Protein backbone atom coordinates (compact mmCIF):
# COMPACT_ATOMS: atom_id res chain seq x y z
CA MET A 1 99.65 -123.75 88.66
CA ALA A 2 98.34 -121.14 86.16
CA MET A 3 98.11 -117.36 86.65
CA THR A 4 97.38 -114.35 84.63
CA VAL A 5 99.98 -111.57 83.99
CA PHE A 6 99.47 -108.41 82.06
CA LEU A 7 101.51 -107.29 79.09
CA ARG A 8 101.58 -103.57 78.24
CA ASP A 9 102.54 -102.34 74.71
CA SER A 10 105.18 -99.57 75.27
CA ARG A 11 103.97 -97.65 72.13
CA THR A 12 100.13 -97.74 72.56
CA GLY A 13 99.76 -98.46 76.22
CA ASP A 14 97.30 -101.24 75.41
CA THR A 15 97.33 -104.06 78.03
CA THR A 16 96.82 -107.73 77.22
CA PRO A 17 96.24 -110.45 79.79
CA ILE A 18 98.13 -113.65 79.27
CA GLU A 19 97.71 -116.94 81.16
CA ILE A 20 101.02 -118.55 82.18
CA THR A 21 102.21 -121.52 84.10
CA GLU A 22 105.43 -122.18 86.00
CA THR A 23 107.21 -123.39 82.83
CA THR A 24 105.97 -120.67 80.39
CA THR A 25 108.94 -118.90 78.66
CA PHE A 26 109.15 -115.44 77.05
CA SER A 27 109.42 -117.03 73.57
CA GLN A 28 106.10 -118.79 74.25
CA VAL A 29 104.63 -115.45 75.35
CA VAL A 30 105.67 -114.06 71.88
CA ASN A 31 103.72 -116.97 70.21
CA LYS A 32 100.57 -116.11 72.36
CA LEU A 33 100.80 -112.37 71.52
CA PHE A 34 101.59 -112.78 67.82
CA PRO A 35 100.40 -116.30 66.80
CA ASP A 36 100.24 -115.52 63.12
CA SER A 37 102.88 -112.83 62.70
CA MET A 38 106.13 -113.86 60.91
CA GLY A 39 109.04 -111.48 61.17
CA THR A 40 107.95 -110.05 64.50
CA LYS A 41 110.65 -109.35 67.22
CA VAL A 42 109.62 -108.53 70.75
CA ALA A 43 111.68 -107.06 73.58
CA PHE A 44 110.50 -107.42 77.10
CA GLU A 45 111.23 -105.64 80.36
CA TYR A 46 110.04 -106.03 83.95
CA GLU A 47 110.43 -103.29 86.59
CA GLY A 48 112.84 -101.48 84.29
CA GLU A 49 115.03 -104.52 83.73
CA PRO A 50 115.31 -105.88 80.12
CA ILE A 51 114.75 -109.57 79.59
CA SER A 52 117.71 -110.78 77.56
CA ARG A 53 116.89 -114.50 77.06
CA PRO A 54 113.82 -115.74 75.18
CA ASP A 55 114.04 -119.20 77.01
CA MET A 56 113.83 -117.48 80.41
CA LYS A 57 110.77 -118.54 82.40
CA VAL A 58 108.36 -115.66 83.06
CA VAL A 59 107.84 -116.65 86.78
CA SER A 60 111.73 -116.36 87.26
CA THR A 61 111.27 -112.54 87.11
CA GLY A 62 109.33 -112.75 90.49
CA ILE A 63 106.24 -111.34 88.91
CA SER A 64 102.97 -111.65 90.85
CA GLY A 65 99.47 -112.05 89.57
CA ASP A 66 98.99 -108.27 89.33
CA GLY A 67 102.39 -107.60 87.93
CA GLU A 68 102.90 -105.96 84.54
CA ILE A 69 105.41 -106.65 81.81
CA ILE A 70 106.32 -104.06 79.22
CA TYR A 71 106.84 -105.22 75.63
CA THR A 72 108.03 -103.49 72.38
CA ALA A 73 107.21 -105.25 69.21
CA SER A 74 108.73 -104.58 65.83
CA LEU A 75 108.83 -106.07 62.41
CA VAL A 76 112.17 -107.55 61.46
CA SER A 77 113.80 -108.70 58.31
CA GLU A 78 116.68 -111.22 59.17
CA PHE A 79 119.41 -112.36 56.79
CA LYS A 80 122.05 -115.06 57.38
CA LEU A 81 124.86 -116.79 55.52
CA GLY A 82 125.17 -120.20 57.15
CA LYS A 83 128.48 -121.27 55.47
CA THR A 84 131.54 -119.68 54.08
CA HIS A 85 130.80 -117.66 50.92
CA LEU A 86 133.65 -116.88 48.49
CA CYS A 87 133.19 -113.90 46.09
CA GLU A 88 135.72 -113.40 43.22
CA SER A 89 137.39 -110.34 41.88
CA THR A 90 135.10 -107.71 40.39
CA ASN A 91 134.32 -104.00 40.93
CA GLU A 92 130.62 -104.66 40.38
CA PHE A 93 128.20 -104.84 43.34
CA LEU A 94 127.28 -108.55 43.83
CA PRO A 95 123.89 -108.96 45.61
CA LEU A 96 123.61 -111.65 48.33
CA PHE A 97 120.01 -110.76 49.51
CA THR A 98 117.18 -108.76 47.97
CA PHE A 99 114.13 -107.65 49.93
CA SER A 100 111.38 -105.10 50.41
CA PRO A 101 110.88 -103.30 53.67
CA LEU A 102 108.19 -104.81 56.05
CA PHE A 103 105.67 -102.19 57.04
CA ALA A 104 102.26 -102.87 58.66
CA GLU A 105 99.85 -103.72 55.91
CA GLU A 106 97.77 -100.52 56.33
CA GLU A 107 100.90 -98.24 55.97
CA ALA A 108 102.38 -97.27 52.67
CA LYS A 109 105.23 -95.70 54.41
CA GLY A 110 107.15 -96.36 57.50
CA SER A 111 110.60 -96.06 58.83
CA ILE A 112 113.54 -98.28 59.69
CA SER A 113 114.28 -98.05 63.32
CA HIS A 114 117.47 -100.07 63.62
CA ILE A 115 120.01 -102.03 61.48
CA HIS A 116 122.41 -104.49 63.14
CA ALA A 117 124.89 -106.66 61.25
CA ILE A 118 127.73 -108.86 62.34
CA THR A 119 130.18 -110.04 59.73
CA VAL A 120 133.20 -112.46 60.00
CA PHE A 121 135.34 -112.08 56.89
CA ALA A 122 138.69 -111.42 55.20
CA ASP A 123 140.08 -110.63 51.81
CA GLN A 124 142.54 -112.72 49.66
CA GLY A 125 145.33 -112.29 52.33
CA TRP A 126 147.75 -110.14 50.27
CA GLY A 127 147.83 -107.04 48.14
CA ASN A 128 145.43 -104.18 48.08
CA LYS A 129 142.40 -104.23 50.36
CA LYS A 130 139.12 -103.40 48.66
CA GLY A 131 136.38 -105.94 49.80
CA ARG A 132 133.39 -104.67 51.76
CA ILE A 133 129.69 -105.56 52.34
CA LEU A 134 127.00 -102.93 51.51
CA LEU A 135 123.39 -102.23 51.80
CA ASN A 136 121.95 -100.71 48.57
CA VAL A 137 118.74 -98.72 47.98
CA GLY A 138 118.53 -97.31 44.35
CA GLY A 139 121.77 -95.52 43.75
CA ASP A 140 122.79 -95.11 47.36
CA TYR A 141 124.95 -97.46 49.43
CA LEU A 142 125.51 -97.95 53.22
CA ASN A 143 128.84 -99.62 54.18
CA LEU A 144 128.00 -102.34 56.83
CA THR A 145 131.60 -103.56 57.39
CA GLY A 146 134.39 -101.09 56.25
CA ILE A 147 137.19 -102.56 54.18
CA ALA A 148 138.22 -106.32 54.91
CA GLU A 149 141.55 -107.01 56.26
CA HIS A 150 144.00 -109.77 55.20
CA GLN A 151 143.26 -111.72 58.32
CA VAL A 152 139.78 -112.82 59.50
CA GLU A 153 138.05 -110.20 61.61
CA THR A 154 134.60 -109.72 63.07
CA ARG A 155 132.96 -106.44 62.16
CA THR A 156 129.75 -105.06 63.79
CA PHE A 157 127.49 -102.42 62.41
CA ASP A 158 124.94 -100.99 64.90
CA SER A 159 122.74 -98.03 63.93
CA LYS A 160 122.44 -97.12 67.50
CA GLU A 161 126.04 -96.06 67.42
CA GLN A 162 126.07 -94.82 63.79
CA PRO A 163 123.09 -92.83 62.61
CA LEU A 164 121.29 -93.98 59.52
CA PRO A 165 121.67 -91.81 56.32
CA ASP A 166 118.57 -90.01 54.91
CA PHE A 167 118.09 -92.35 52.00
CA ILE A 168 117.52 -95.18 54.48
CA LYS A 169 114.99 -93.13 56.41
CA ARG A 170 112.97 -92.28 53.27
CA VAL A 171 112.00 -95.83 52.19
CA GLN A 172 108.48 -96.84 51.48
CA ARG A 173 106.52 -99.99 50.61
CA GLY A 174 107.71 -101.42 47.23
CA ASP A 175 111.26 -100.17 47.51
CA THR A 176 113.90 -102.71 46.93
CA PHE A 177 116.81 -103.25 49.27
CA ARG A 178 119.94 -105.29 48.35
CA ILE A 179 122.67 -106.48 50.59
CA GLY A 180 125.79 -107.52 48.80
CA CYS A 181 129.51 -107.04 48.42
CA VAL A 182 132.13 -105.30 46.31
CA VAL A 183 135.25 -107.48 46.19
CA GLY A 184 137.49 -105.26 44.06
CA GLY A 185 138.81 -105.47 40.67
CA GLY A 186 142.37 -105.73 39.15
CA GLY A 187 142.82 -109.56 39.42
CA GLY A 188 143.30 -111.84 42.37
CA HIS A 189 140.93 -110.17 44.72
CA GLN A 190 138.61 -112.26 46.87
CA LEU A 191 136.24 -111.75 49.77
CA LYS A 192 135.81 -114.70 52.02
CA ILE A 193 132.58 -114.32 54.22
CA GLN A 194 132.69 -116.95 56.89
CA SER A 195 129.51 -115.80 58.44
CA PHE A 196 127.03 -112.80 58.09
CA ARG A 197 123.89 -111.97 60.02
CA CYS A 198 121.88 -108.76 59.63
CA GLU A 199 118.68 -107.60 61.23
CA VAL A 200 116.54 -104.65 59.87
CA SER A 201 113.93 -103.50 62.26
CA TYR A 202 110.97 -101.36 61.31
CA CYS A 203 108.57 -99.06 63.21
């Protein structure tokens, strides 16, 4: 049985009617809202409660035909290392990813609203500790991990808890971002990155 629900943009207040069935999930709603938009991440909430699972069925919220779901859409750059990455000793910055910020096509400037990174890594297991993962813009660097330990650890960077520096806030279209690592020089240093995932959200 199909019914129409209304989705309201939290930023503009605009409302969009969407037809759903008993099996429609929130990930399918995203495809209906943004059929041609790559790199768009959408957060939903209903009656003040956030929707945490994209595979959740819309009707499981208990929404009725005149109900309204709030959504917030943002452009997101996402980066992943899918297998263990071994970096050898050097004091140089080693880029792993290079990208430009995603802003709406009509905007020359924008702002980064959120950076979230999860890293599972360790150094060579002995000696001095120097390895870290950084985000680079021009001559400035943001440390996403702190210094790696000898044993494998998981480190999380969340800009909701650690304010972004001014050089990140001043980015504009055409600027080049690099995510990479500094292993450390002096011989024998390694950085073993078991997994890495980073999301950069724009507004």
